Amino acid sequence: MELSNNEQKDKLHRTFIVALDLLDEQHREPDRWEEECLSYALGAMACGLYLAAEVELAAFARPLDERSAEELAVLQKKPRRFTKLMLRHGLDYVVNREQGEMPPPAIDQRLVRDFLGASL
């Protein structure tokens, strides 16, 4: 049985929350692989690309020994960009945007700059 768009969106949102909750339970931020998967999943959900979001959320759950060594090497060269807090704000924005007009998520831009190492 195929899911409706709303059911699919709800399932993806719940899966995304479960992923963040798992990181909370482990008292850690996402590693570089997980961060990439979650940020791509979030972007895909925002664009209505639900299959792509499913693929990224499945990749998030991939065990360490099943992750591509080549991809990990490439990721290690890229700067970190998102914390769990930023990803939660992004998900809130995506979910609430679907319910009507709303302003960008209320995250202090200084936190973003500090995280990225940029000066104010």
PDB file of N, CA and C in Angstrom:
ATOM      1  N   MET A   1       0.835  -1.186   0.000  1.00  0.00           N
ATOM      2  CA  MET A   1       0.000   0.000   0.000  1.00  0.00           C
ATOM      3  C   MET A   1       0.878   1.247   0.000  1.00  0.00           C
ATOM      4  N   GLU A   2       0.607   2.127  -0.919  1.00  0.00           N
ATOM      5  CA  GLU A   2       1.377   3.351  -1.048  1.00  0.00           C
ATOM      6  C   GLU A   2       0.855   4.416  -0.080  1.00  0.00           C
ATOM      7  N   LEU A   3       1.788   5.140   0.524  1.00  0.00           N
ATOM      8  CA  LEU A   3       1.405   6.200   1.459  1.00  0.00           C
ATOM      9  C   LEU A   3       0.987   7.446   0.698  1.00  0.00           C
ATOM     10  N   SER A   4       0.042   8.193   1.268  1.00  0.00           N
ATOM     11  CA  SER A   4      -0.311   9.492   0.691  1.00  0.00           C
ATOM     12  C   SER A   4       0.842  10.456   0.978  1.00  0.00           C
ATOM     13  N   ASN A   5       0.840  11.588   0.288  1.00  0.00           N
ATOM     14  CA  ASN A   5       1.878  12.588   0.525  1.00  0.00           C
ATOM     15  C   ASN A   5       1.907  13.024   1.991  1.00  0.00           C
ATOM     16  N   ASN A   6       0.739  13.236   2.579  1.00  0.00           N
ATOM     17  CA  ASN A   6       0.699  13.668   3.983  1.00  0.00           C
ATOM     18  C   ASN A   6       1.228  12.584   4.910  1.00  0.00           C
ATOM     19  N   GLU A   7       0.865  11.338   4.644  1.00  0.00           N
ATOM     20  CA  GLU A   7       1.365  10.236   5.470  1.00  0.00           C
ATOM     21  C   GLU A   7       2.885  10.097   5.316  1.00  0.00           C
ATOM     22  N   GLN A   8       3.344  10.252   4.094  1.00  0.00           N
ATOM     23  CA  GLN A   8       4.778  10.156   3.831  1.00  0.00           C
ATOM     24  C   GLN A   8       5.531  11.278   4.542  1.00  0.00           C
ATOM     25  N   LYS A   9       4.993  12.513   4.459  1.00  0.00           N
ATOM     26  CA  LYS A   9       5.623  13.644   5.139  1.00  0.00           C
ATOM     27  C   LYS A   9       5.659  13.414   6.643  1.00  0.00           C
ATOM     28  N   ASP A  10       4.550  12.976   7.211  1.00  0.00           N
ATOM     29  CA  ASP A  10       4.489  12.722   8.653  1.00  0.00           C
ATOM     30  C   ASP A  10       5.506  11.666   9.066  1.00  0.00           C
ATOM     31  N   LYS A  11       5.609  10.612   8.277  1.00  0.00           N
ATOM     32  CA  LYS A  11       6.565   9.543   8.575  1.00  0.00           C
ATOM     33  C   LYS A  11       7.997  10.077   8.527  1.00  0.00           C
ATOM     34  N   LEU A  12       8.306  10.869   7.515  1.00  0.00           N
ATOM     35  CA  LEU A  12       9.646  11.448   7.399  1.00  0.00           C
ATOM     36  C   LEU A  12       9.951  12.378   8.559  1.00  0.00           C
ATOM     37  N   HIS A  13       8.986  13.199   8.939  1.00  0.00           N
ATOM     38  CA  HIS A  13       9.189  14.114  10.070  1.00  0.00           C
ATOM     39  C   HIS A  13       9.467  13.328  11.341  1.00  0.00           C
ATOM     40  N   ARG A  14       8.682  12.262  11.567  1.00  0.00           N
ATOM     41  CA  ARG A  14       8.883  11.431  12.771  1.00  0.00           C
ATOM     42  C   ARG A  14      10.252  10.754  12.742  1.00  0.00           C
ATOM     43  N   THR A  15      10.647  10.255  11.591  1.00  0.00           N
ATOM     44  CA  THR A  15      11.951   9.594  11.460  1.00  0.00           C
ATOM     45  C   THR A  15      13.084  10.570  11.735  1.00  0.00           C
ATOM     46  N   PHE A  16      12.941  11.788  11.252  1.00  0.00           N
ATOM     47  CA  PHE A  16      13.951  12.825  11.470  1.00  0.00           C
ATOM     48  C   PHE A  16      14.061  13.127  12.966  1.00  0.00           C
ATOM     49  N   ILE A  17      12.925  13.245  13.637  1.00  0.00           N
ATOM     50  CA  ILE A  17      12.914  13.512  15.073  1.00  0.00           C
ATOM     51  C   ILE A  17      13.554  12.357  15.840  1.00  0.00           C
ATOM     52  N   VAL A  18      13.248  11.133  15.443  1.00  0.00           N
ATOM     53  CA  VAL A  18      13.847   9.960  16.091  1.00  0.00           C
ATOM     54  C   VAL A  18      15.366   9.996  15.946  1.00  0.00           C
ATOM     55  N   ALA A  19      15.864  10.393  14.784  1.00  0.00           N
ATOM     56  CA  ALA A  19      17.309  10.479  14.565  1.00  0.00           C
ATOM     57  C   ALA A  19      17.938  11.500  15.520  1.00  0.00           C
ATOM     58  N   LEU A  20      17.312  12.660  15.647  1.00  0.00           N
ATOM     59  CA  LEU A  20      17.834  13.680  16.565  1.00  0.00           C
ATOM     60  C   LEU A  20      17.724  13.231  18.014  1.00  0.00           C
ATOM     61  N   ASP A  21      16.630  12.566  18.350  1.00  0.00           N
ATOM     62  CA  ASP A  21      16.456  12.058  19.718  1.00  0.00           C
ATOM     63  C   ASP A  21      17.521  11.015  20.051  1.00  0.00           C
ATOM     64  N   LEU A  22      17.890  10.195  19.076  1.00  0.00           N
ATOM     65  CA  LEU A  22      18.944   9.205  19.284  1.00  0.00           C
ATOM     66  C   LEU A  22      20.258   9.899  19.647  1.00  0.00           C
ATOM     67  N   LEU A  23      20.578  10.961  18.920  1.00  0.00           N
ATOM     68  CA  LEU A  23      21.794  11.720  19.218  1.00  0.00           C
ATOM     69  C   LEU A  23      21.715  12.331  20.616  1.00  0.00           C
ATOM     70  N   ASP A  24      20.534  12.820  20.999  1.00  0.00           N
ATOM     71  CA  ASP A  24      20.345  13.351  22.348  1.00  0.00           C
ATOM     72  C   ASP A  24      20.609  12.279  23.401  1.00  0.00           C
ATOM     73  N   GLU A  25      20.068  11.091  23.167  1.00  0.00           N
ATOM     74  CA  GLU A  25      20.257   9.983  24.111  1.00  0.00           C
ATOM     75  C   GLU A  25      21.728   9.617  24.249  1.00  0.00           C
ATOM     76  N   GLN A  26      22.482   9.796  23.164  1.00  0.00           N
ATOM     77  CA  GLN A  26      23.908   9.478  23.175  1.00  0.00           C
ATOM     78  C   GLN A  26      24.749  10.671  23.626  1.00  0.00           C
ATOM     79  N   HIS A  27      24.078  11.786  23.949  1.00  0.00           N
ATOM     80  CA  HIS A  27      24.738  13.003  24.449  1.00  0.00           C
ATOM     81  C   HIS A  27      25.842  13.478  23.499  1.00  0.00           C
ATOM     82  N   ARG A  28      25.476  13.586  22.226  1.00  0.00           N
ATOM     83  CA  ARG A  28      26.465  14.023  21.245  1.00  0.00           C
ATOM     84  C   ARG A  28      25.805  14.726  20.069  1.00  0.00           C
ATOM     85  N   GLU A  29      26.629  15.466  19.350  1.00  0.00           N
ATOM     86  CA  GLU A  29      26.222  16.086  18.100  1.00  0.00           C
ATOM     87  C   GLU A  29      26.399  15.043  16.989  1.00  0.00           C
ATOM     88  N   PRO A  30      25.774  15.251  15.839  1.00  0.00           N
ATOM     89  CA  PRO A  30      25.964  14.292  14.744  1.00  0.00           C
ATOM     90  C   PRO A  30      27.418  14.294  14.276  1.00  0.00           C
ATOM     91  N   ASP A  31      27.914  13.108  13.903  1.00  0.00           N
ATOM     92  CA  ASP A  31      29.234  13.084  13.284  1.00  0.00           C
ATOM     93  C   ASP A  31      29.083  13.668  11.886  1.00  0.00           C
ATOM     94  N   ARG A  32      30.168  13.806  11.165  1.00  0.00           N
ATOM     95  CA  ARG A  32      30.130  14.492   9.860  1.00  0.00           C
ATOM     96  C   ARG A  32      29.217  13.759   8.874  1.00  0.00           C
ATOM     97  N   TRP A  33      29.231  12.425   8.880  1.00  0.00           N
ATOM     98  CA  TRP A  33      28.354  11.629   8.008  1.00  0.00           C
ATOM     99  C   TRP A  33      26.899  11.904   8.358  1.00  0.00           C
ATOM    100  N   GLU A  34      26.573  11.803   9.629  1.00  0.00           N
ATOM    101  CA  GLU A  34      25.192  11.983  10.082  1.00  0.00           C
ATOM    102  C   GLU A  34      24.694  13.393   9.795  1.00  0.00           C
ATOM    103  N   GLU A  35      25.561  14.366  10.009  1.00  0.00           N
ATOM    104  CA  GLU A  35      25.202  15.759   9.735  1.00  0.00           C
ATOM    105  C   GLU A  35      24.851  15.949   8.263  1.00  0.00           C
ATOM    106  N   GLU A  36      25.662  15.360   7.406  1.00  0.00           N
ATOM    107  CA  GLU A  36      25.414  15.468   5.963  1.00  0.00           C
ATOM    108  C   GLU A  36      24.070  14.826   5.600  1.00  0.00           C
ATOM    109  N   CYS A  37      23.833  13.635   6.114  1.00  0.00           N
ATOM    110  CA  CYS A  37      22.583  12.925   5.814  1.00  0.00           C
ATOM    111  C   CYS A  37      21.370  13.730   6.304  1.00  0.00           C
ATOM    112  N   LEU A  38      21.447  14.228   7.534  1.00  0.00           N
ATOM    113  CA  LEU A  38      20.309  14.960   8.094  1.00  0.00           C
ATOM    114  C   LEU A  38      20.076  16.282   7.366  1.00  0.00           C
ATOM    115  N   SER A  39      21.141  16.973   7.020  1.00  0.00           N
ATOM    116  CA  SER A  39      20.947  18.252   6.319  1.00  0.00           C
ATOM    117  C   SER A  39      20.388  18.029   4.916  1.00  0.00           C
ATOM    118  N   TYR A  40      20.849  16.987   4.223  1.00  0.00           N
ATOM    119  CA  TYR A  40      20.295  16.680   2.903  1.00  0.00           C
ATOM    120  C   TYR A  40      18.838  16.234   3.012  1.00  0.00           C
ATOM    121  N   ALA A  41      18.533  15.431   4.030  1.00  0.00           N
ATOM    122  CA  ALA A  41      17.150  14.978   4.230  1.00  0.00           C
ATOM    123  C   ALA A  41      16.241  16.180   4.478  1.00  0.00           C
ATOM    124  N   LEU A  42      16.707  17.103   5.291  1.00  0.00           N
ATOM    125  CA  LEU A  42      15.920  18.294   5.595  1.00  0.00           C
ATOM    126  C   LEU A  42      15.671  19.124   4.337  1.00  0.00           C
ATOM    127  N   GLY A  43      16.712  19.326   3.558  1.00  0.00           N
ATOM    128  CA  GLY A  43      16.558  20.069   2.305  1.00  0.00           C
ATOM    129  C   GLY A  43      15.608  19.376   1.341  1.00  0.00           C
ATOM    130  N   ALA A  44      15.707  18.054   1.279  1.00  0.00           N
ATOM    131  CA  ALA A  44      14.819  17.292   0.393  1.00  0.00           C
ATOM    132  C   ALA A  44      13.373  17.419   0.850  1.00  0.00           C
ATOM    133  N   MET A  45      13.139  17.314   2.160  1.00  0.00           N
ATOM    134  CA  MET A  45      11.768  17.462   2.675  1.00  0.00           C
ATOM    135  C   MET A  45      11.224  18.853   2.353  1.00  0.00           C
ATOM    136  N   ALA A  46      12.063  19.871   2.498  1.00  0.00           N
ATOM    137  CA  ALA A  46      11.629  21.243   2.231  1.00  0.00           C
ATOM    138  C   ALA A  46      11.237  21.432   0.772  1.00  0.00           C
ATOM    139  N   CYS A  47      11.850  20.661  -0.112  1.00  0.00           N
ATOM    140  CA  CYS A  47      11.566  20.761  -1.551  1.00  0.00           C
ATOM    141  C   CYS A  47      10.512  19.771  -2.021  1.00  0.00           C
ATOM    142  N   GLY A  48       9.985  18.960  -1.101  1.00  0.00           N
ATOM    143  CA  GLY A  48       8.995  17.970  -1.483  1.00  0.00           C
ATOM    144  C   GLY A  48       9.586  16.736  -2.145  1.00  0.00           C
ATOM    145  N   LEU A  49      10.878  16.523  -2.009  1.00  0.00           N
ATOM    146  CA  LEU A  49      11.563  15.367  -2.588  1.00  0.00           C
ATOM    147  C   LEU A  49      11.627  14.261  -1.535  1.00  0.00           C
ATOM    148  N   TYR A  50      10.479  13.638  -1.308  1.00  0.00           N
ATOM    149  CA  TYR A  50      10.338  12.721  -0.179  1.00  0.00           C
ATOM    150  C   TYR A  50      11.150  11.444  -0.346  1.00  0.00           C
ATOM    151  N   LEU A  51      11.290  10.939  -1.561  1.00  0.00           N
ATOM    152  CA  LEU A  51      12.094   9.744  -1.779  1.00  0.00           C
ATOM    153  C   LEU A  51      13.559  10.030  -1.445  1.00  0.00           C
ATOM    154  N   ALA A  52      14.046  11.184  -1.860  1.00  0.00           N
ATOM    155  CA  ALA A  52      15.431  11.568  -1.549  1.00  0.00           C
ATOM    156  C   ALA A  52      15.621  11.694  -0.039  1.00  0.00           C
ATOM    157  N   ALA A  53      14.625  12.246   0.652  1.00  0.00           N
ATOM    158  CA  ALA A  53      14.700  12.364   2.112  1.00  0.00           C
ATOM    159  C   ALA A  53      14.756  10.985   2.754  1.00  0.00           C
ATOM    160  N   GLU A  54      13.965  10.049   2.247  1.00  0.00           N
ATOM    161  CA  GLU A  54      13.988   8.669   2.774  1.00  0.00           C
ATOM    162  C   GLU A  54      15.365   8.049   2.609  1.00  0.00           C
ATOM    163  N   VAL A  55      15.982   8.254   1.451  1.00  0.00           N
ATOM    164  CA  VAL A  55      17.306   7.699   1.183  1.00  0.00           C
ATOM    165  C   VAL A  55      18.321   8.270   2.169  1.00  0.00           C
ATOM    166  N   GLU A  56      18.262   9.561   2.398  1.00  0.00           N
ATOM    167  CA  GLU A  56      19.210  10.203   3.313  1.00  0.00           C
ATOM    168  C   GLU A  56      18.999   9.753   4.755  1.00  0.00           C
ATOM    169  N   LEU A  57      17.756   9.597   5.164  1.00  0.00           N
ATOM    170  CA  LEU A  57      17.497   9.133   6.533  1.00  0.00           C
ATOM    171  C   LEU A  57      17.927   7.684   6.712  1.00  0.00           C
ATOM    172  N   ALA A  58      17.816   6.885   5.665  1.00  0.00           N
ATOM    173  CA  ALA A  58      18.321   5.509   5.727  1.00  0.00           C
ATOM    174  C   ALA A  58      19.849   5.518   5.824  1.00  0.00           C
ATOM    175  N   ALA A  59      20.490   6.413   5.086  1.00  0.00           N
ATOM    176  CA  ALA A  59      21.953   6.513   5.141  1.00  0.00           C
ATOM    177  C   ALA A  59      22.419   6.966   6.523  1.00  0.00           C
ATOM    178  N   PHE A  60      21.636   7.834   7.164  1.00  0.00           N
ATOM    179  CA  PHE A  60      21.965   8.274   8.526  1.00  0.00           C
ATOM    180  C   PHE A  60      22.131   7.069   9.447  1.00  0.00           C
ATOM    181  N   ALA A  61      21.271   6.086   9.302  1.00  0.00           N
ATOM    182  CA  ALA A  61      21.252   4.919  10.185  1.00  0.00           C
ATOM    183  C   ALA A  61      22.271   3.852   9.795  1.00  0.00           C
ATOM    184  N   ARG A  62      23.000   4.066   8.713  1.00  0.00           N
ATOM    185  CA  ARG A  62      23.970   3.064   8.248  1.00  0.00           C
ATOM    186  C   ARG A  62      25.067   2.878   9.307  1.00  0.00           C
ATOM    187  N   PRO A  63      25.355   1.632   9.667  1.00  0.00           N
ATOM    188  CA  PRO A  63      26.430   1.365  10.642  1.00  0.00           C
ATOM    189  C   PRO A  63      27.779   1.885  10.146  1.00  0.00           C
ATOM    190  N   LEU A  64      28.652   2.217  11.084  1.00  0.00           N
ATOM    191  CA  LEU A  64      29.963   2.768  10.739  1.00  0.00           C
ATOM    192  C   LEU A  64      30.723   1.904   9.745  1.00  0.00           C
ATOM    193  N   ASP A  65      30.705   0.599   9.928  1.00  0.00           N
ATOM    194  CA  ASP A  65      31.481  -0.280   9.057  1.00  0.00           C
ATOM    195  C   ASP A  65      30.882  -0.433   7.660  1.00  0.00           C
ATOM    196  N   GLU A  66      29.691   0.122   7.447  1.00  0.00           N
ATOM    197  CA  GLU A  66      29.065   0.062   6.126  1.00  0.00           C
ATOM    198  C   GLU A  66      29.126   1.402   5.389  1.00  0.00           C
ATOM    199  N   ARG A  67      29.747   2.385   6.003  1.00  0.00           N
ATOM    200  CA  ARG A  67      29.893   3.687   5.353  1.00  0.00           C
ATOM    201  C   ARG A  67      31.091   3.652   4.412  1.00  0.00           C
ATOM    202  N   SER A  68      30.945   4.298   3.289  1.00  0.00           N
ATOM    203  CA  SER A  68      32.001   4.327   2.284  1.00  0.00           C
ATOM    204  C   SER A  68      33.224   5.089   2.810  1.00  0.00           C
ATOM    205  N   ALA A  69      34.377   4.429   2.772  1.00  0.00           N
ATOM    206  CA  ALA A  69      35.618   5.069   3.217  1.00  0.00           C
ATOM    207  C   ALA A  69      35.934   6.300   2.359  1.00  0.00           C
ATOM    208  N   GLU A  70      35.643   6.205   1.075  1.00  0.00           N
ATOM    209  CA  GLU A  70      35.914   7.331   0.177  1.00  0.00           C
ATOM    210  C   GLU A  70      35.034   8.530   0.535  1.00  0.00           C
ATOM    211  N   GLU A  71      33.758   8.271   0.783  1.00  0.00           N
ATOM    212  CA  GLU A  71      32.850   9.360   1.154  1.00  0.00           C
ATOM    213  C   GLU A  71      33.241   9.965   2.493  1.00  0.00           C
ATOM    214  N   LEU A  72      33.639   9.125   3.447  1.00  0.00           N
ATOM    215  CA  LEU A  72      34.069   9.627   4.749  1.00  0.00           C
ATOM    216  C   LEU A  72      35.290  10.524   4.621  1.00  0.00           C
ATOM    217  N   ALA A  73      36.228  10.140   3.755  1.00  0.00           N
ATOM    218  CA  ALA A  73      37.430  10.951   3.543  1.00  0.00           C
ATOM    219  C   ALA A  73      37.070  12.322   2.975  1.00  0.00           C
ATOM    220  N   VAL A  74      36.137  12.347   2.031  1.00  0.00           N
ATOM    221  CA  VAL A  74      35.696  13.616   1.446  1.00  0.00           C
ATOM    222  C   VAL A  74      35.001  14.470   2.504  1.00  0.00           C
ATOM    223  N   LEU A  75      34.143  13.848   3.299  1.00  0.00           N
ATOM    224  CA  LEU A  75      33.409  14.589   4.332  1.00  0.00           C
ATOM    225  C   LEU A  75      34.342  15.189   5.377  1.00  0.00           C
ATOM    226  N   GLN A  76      35.391  14.493   5.726  1.00  0.00           N
ATOM    227  CA  GLN A  76      36.320  14.989   6.748  1.00  0.00           C
ATOM    228  C   GLN A  76      37.014  16.273   6.306  1.00  0.00           C
ATOM    229  N   LYS A  77      37.077  16.500   5.005  1.00  0.00           N
ATOM    230  CA  LYS A  77      37.703  17.714   4.477  1.00  0.00           C
ATOM    231  C   LYS A  77      36.743  18.902   4.479  1.00  0.00           C
ATOM    232  N   LYS A  78      35.452  18.626   4.630  1.00  0.00           N
ATOM    233  CA  LYS A  78      34.450  19.688   4.619  1.00  0.00           C
ATOM    234  C   LYS A  78      34.233  20.206   6.039  1.00  0.00           C
ATOM    235  N   PRO A  79      33.970  21.497   6.180  1.00  0.00           N
ATOM    236  CA  PRO A  79      33.701  22.025   7.522  1.00  0.00           C
ATOM    237  C   PRO A  79      32.335  21.563   8.036  1.00  0.00           C
ATOM    238  N   ARG A  80      32.240  21.448   9.346  1.00  0.00           N
ATOM    239  CA  ARG A  80      30.947  21.142   9.956  1.00  0.00           C
ATOM    240  C   ARG A  80      30.073  22.377   9.810  1.00  0.00           C
ATOM    241  N   ARG A  81      28.763  22.153   9.655  1.00  0.00           N
ATOM    242  CA  ARG A  81      27.869  23.286   9.418  1.00  0.00           C
ATOM    243  C   ARG A  81      26.642  23.304  10.309  1.00  0.00           C
ATOM    244  N   PHE A  82      26.166  22.142  10.781  1.00  0.00           N
ATOM    245  CA  PHE A  82      24.896  22.107  11.490  1.00  0.00           C
ATOM    246  C   PHE A  82      25.001  21.368  12.823  1.00  0.00           C
ATOM    247  N   THR A  83      24.375  21.955  13.822  1.00  0.00           N
ATOM    248  CA  THR A  83      24.233  21.296  15.121  1.00  0.00           C
ATOM    249  C   THR A  83      22.836  20.680  15.188  1.00  0.00           C
ATOM    250  N   LYS A  84      22.597  19.886  16.229  1.00  0.00           N
ATOM    251  CA  LYS A  84      21.251  19.331  16.426  1.00  0.00           C
ATOM    252  C   LYS A  84      20.236  20.457  16.565  1.00  0.00           C
ATOM    253  N   LEU A  85      20.597  21.509  17.275  1.00  0.00           N
ATOM    254  CA  LEU A  85      19.679  22.627  17.470  1.00  0.00           C
ATOM    255  C   LEU A  85      19.295  23.255  16.129  1.00  0.00           C
ATOM    256  N   MET A  86      20.262  23.450  15.282  1.00  0.00           N
ATOM    257  CA  MET A  86      19.987  24.029  13.963  1.00  0.00           C
ATOM    258  C   MET A  86      19.083  23.108  13.141  1.00  0.00           C
ATOM    259  N   LEU A  87      19.352  21.819  13.198  1.00  0.00           N
ATOM    260  CA  LEU A  87      18.537  20.859  12.448  1.00  0.00           C
ATOM    261  C   LEU A  87      17.112  20.809  12.988  1.00  0.00           C
ATOM    262  N   ARG A  88      16.946  20.891  14.303  1.00  0.00           N
ATOM    263  CA  ARG A  88      15.598  20.923  14.891  1.00  0.00           C
ATOM    264  C   ARG A  88      14.846  22.187  14.452  1.00  0.00           C
ATOM    265  N   HIS A  89      15.530  23.322  14.452  1.00  0.00           N
ATOM    266  CA  HIS A  89      14.894  24.558  13.981  1.00  0.00           C
ATOM    267  C   HIS A  89      14.480  24.419  12.521  1.00  0.00           C
ATOM    268  N   GLY A  90      15.346  23.818  11.720  1.00  0.00           N
ATOM    269  CA  GLY A  90      15.024  23.613  10.308  1.00  0.00           C
ATOM    270  C   GLY A  90      13.805  22.725  10.129  1.00  0.00           C
ATOM    271  N   LEU A  91      13.733  21.653  10.897  1.00  0.00           N
ATOM    272  CA  LEU A  91      12.573  20.769  10.795  1.00  0.00           C
ATOM    273  C   LEU A  91      11.303  21.496  11.238  1.00  0.00           C
ATOM    274  N   ASP A  92      11.389  22.242  12.328  1.00  0.00           N
ATOM    275  CA  ASP A  92      10.221  23.015  12.779  1.00  0.00           C
ATOM    276  C   ASP A  92       9.750  23.949  11.674  1.00  0.00           C
ATOM    277  N   TYR A  93      10.695  24.584  11.002  1.00  0.00           N
ATOM    278  CA  TYR A  93      10.341  25.490   9.925  1.00  0.00           C
ATOM    279  C   TYR A  93       9.640  24.759   8.789  1.00  0.00           C
ATOM    280  N   VAL A  94      10.198  23.623   8.378  1.00  0.00           N
ATOM    281  CA  VAL A  94       9.612  22.849   7.281  1.00  0.00           C
ATOM    282  C   VAL A  94       8.202  22.394   7.650  1.00  0.00           C
ATOM    283  N   VAL A  95       8.038  21.856   8.848  1.00  0.00           N
ATOM    284  CA  VAL A  95       6.729  21.357   9.282  1.00  0.00           C
ATOM    285  C   VAL A  95       5.718  22.493   9.371  1.00  0.00           C
ATOM    286  N   ASN A  96       6.112  23.594   9.988  1.00  0.00           N
ATOM    287  CA  ASN A  96       5.181  24.705  10.186  1.00  0.00           C
ATOM    288  C   ASN A  96       4.924  25.486   8.908  1.00  0.00           C
ATOM    289  N   ARG A  97       5.875  25.509   8.003  1.00  0.00           N
ATOM    290  CA  ARG A  97       5.694  26.208   6.726  1.00  0.00           C
ATOM    291  C   ARG A  97       4.565  25.567   5.927  1.00  0.00           C
ATOM    292  N   GLU A  98       4.456  24.248   6.062  1.00  0.00           N
ATOM    293  CA  GLU A  98       3.410  23.530   5.342  1.00  0.00           C
ATOM    294  C   GLU A  98       2.024  23.895   5.858  1.00  0.00           C
ATOM    295  N   GLN A  99       1.974  24.457   7.049  1.00  0.00           N
ATOM    296  CA  GLN A  99       0.688  24.822   7.650  1.00  0.00           C
ATOM    297  C   GLN A  99       0.328  26.283   7.392  1.00  0.00           C
ATOM    298  N   GLY A 100       1.159  27.003   6.686  1.00  0.00           N
ATOM    299  CA  GLY A 100       0.853  28.397   6.360  1.00  0.00           C
ATOM    300  C   GLY A 100       2.101  29.244   6.363  1.00  0.00           C
ATOM    301  N   GLU A 101       1.936  30.516   6.065  1.00  0.00           N
ATOM    302  CA  GLU A 101       3.064  31.443   6.032  1.00  0.00           C
ATOM    303  C   GLU A 101       3.675  31.599   7.409  1.00  0.00           C
ATOM    304  N   MET A 102       4.984  31.625   7.451  1.00  0.00           N
ATOM    305  CA  MET A 102       5.670  31.888   8.711  1.00  0.00           C
ATOM    306  C   MET A 102       7.043  32.454   8.410  1.00  0.00           C
ATOM    307  N   PRO A 103       7.590  33.224   9.333  1.00  0.00           N
ATOM    308  CA  PRO A 103       8.920  33.805   9.131  1.00  0.00           C
ATOM    309  C   PRO A 103      10.003  32.740   9.265  1.00  0.00           C
ATOM    310  N   PRO A 104      11.228  33.053   8.887  1.00  0.00           N
ATOM    311  CA  PRO A 104      12.326  32.099   9.059  1.00  0.00           C
ATOM    312  C   PRO A 104      12.441  31.670  10.520  1.00  0.00           C
ATOM    313  N   PRO A 105      13.044  30.504  10.767  1.00  0.00           N
ATOM    314  CA  PRO A 105      13.158  30.019  12.136  1.00  0.00           C
ATOM    315  C   PRO A 105      13.901  31.010  13.021  1.00  0.00           C
ATOM    316  N   ALA A 106      13.491  31.077  14.266  1.00  0.00           N
ATOM    317  CA  ALA A 106      14.062  32.037  15.208  1.00  0.00           C
ATOM    318  C   ALA A 106      15.316  31.464  15.857  1.00  0.00           C
ATOM    319  N   ILE A 107      16.388  31.443  15.119  1.00  0.00           N
ATOM    320  CA  ILE A 107      17.673  31.026  15.689  1.00  0.00           C
ATOM    321  C   ILE A 107      18.592  32.232  15.629  1.00  0.00           C
ATOM    322  N   ASP A 108      19.265  32.473  16.711  1.00  0.00           N
ATOM    323  CA  ASP A 108      20.152  33.621  16.797  1.00  0.00           C
ATOM    324  C   ASP A 108      21.299  33.436  15.798  1.00  0.00           C
ATOM    325  N   GLN A 109      21.407  34.341  14.847  1.00  0.00           N
ATOM    326  CA  GLN A 109      22.421  34.217  13.809  1.00  0.00           C
ATOM    327  C   GLN A 109      23.840  34.262  14.370  1.00  0.00           C
ATOM    328  N   ARG A 110      24.002  34.848  15.565  1.00  0.00           N
ATOM    329  CA  ARG A 110      25.331  34.831  16.190  1.00  0.00           C
ATOM    330  C   ARG A 110      25.747  33.407  16.524  1.00  0.00           C
ATOM    331  N   LEU A 111      24.780  32.554  16.896  1.00  0.00           N
ATOM    332  CA  LEU A 111      25.101  31.156  17.168  1.00  0.00           C
ATOM    333  C   LEU A 111      25.618  30.471  15.914  1.00  0.00           C
ATOM    334  N   VAL A 112      25.006  30.785  14.787  1.00  0.00           N
ATOM    335  CA  VAL A 112      25.436  30.200  13.524  1.00  0.00           C
ATOM    336  C   VAL A 112      26.857  30.670  13.211  1.00  0.00           C
ATOM    337  N   ARG A 113      27.104  31.964  13.328  1.00  0.00           N
ATOM    338  CA  ARG A 113      28.432  32.493  13.025  1.00  0.00           C
ATOM    339  C   ARG A 113      29.482  31.908  13.964  1.00  0.00           C
ATOM    340  N   ASP A 114      29.160  31.824  15.245  1.00  0.00           N
ATOM    341  CA  ASP A 114      30.095  31.236  16.215  1.00  0.00           C
ATOM    342  C   ASP A 114      30.411  29.793  15.865  1.00  0.00           C
ATOM    343  N   PHE A 115      29.385  29.041  15.516  1.00  0.00           N
ATOM    344  CA  PHE A 115      29.582  27.635  15.173  1.00  0.00           C
ATOM    345  C   PHE A 115      30.477  27.494  13.952  1.00  0.00           C
ATOM    346  N   LEU A 116      30.269  28.364  12.985  1.00  0.00           N
ATOM    347  CA  LEU A 116      31.045  28.292  11.741  1.00  0.00           C
ATOM    348  C   LEU A 116      32.413  28.946  11.891  1.00  0.00           C
ATOM    349  N   GLY A 117      32.645  29.617  13.022  1.00  0.00           N
ATOM    350  CA  GLY A 117      33.944  30.239  13.253  1.00  0.00           C
ATOM    351  C   GLY A 117      34.097  31.593  12.604  1.00  0.00           C
ATOM    352  N   ALA A 118      33.007  32.197  12.184  1.00  0.00           N
ATOM    353  CA  ALA A 118      33.052  33.506  11.551  1.00  0.00           C
ATOM    354  C   ALA A 118      32.957  34.602  12.617  1.00  0.00           C
ATOM    355  N   SER A 119      33.482  35.742  12.316  1.00  0.00           N
ATOM    356  CA  SER A 119      33.367  36.862  13.254  1.00  0.00           C
ATOM    357  C   SER A 119      32.060  37.579  13.057  1.00  0.00           C
ATOM    358  N   LEU A 120      31.625  38.275  14.087  1.00  0.00           N
ATOM    359  CA  LEU A 120      30.368  39.037  14.001  1.00  0.00           C
ATOM    360  C   LEU A 120      30.563  40.210  13.141  1.00  0.00           C
TER     361      LEU A 120
END
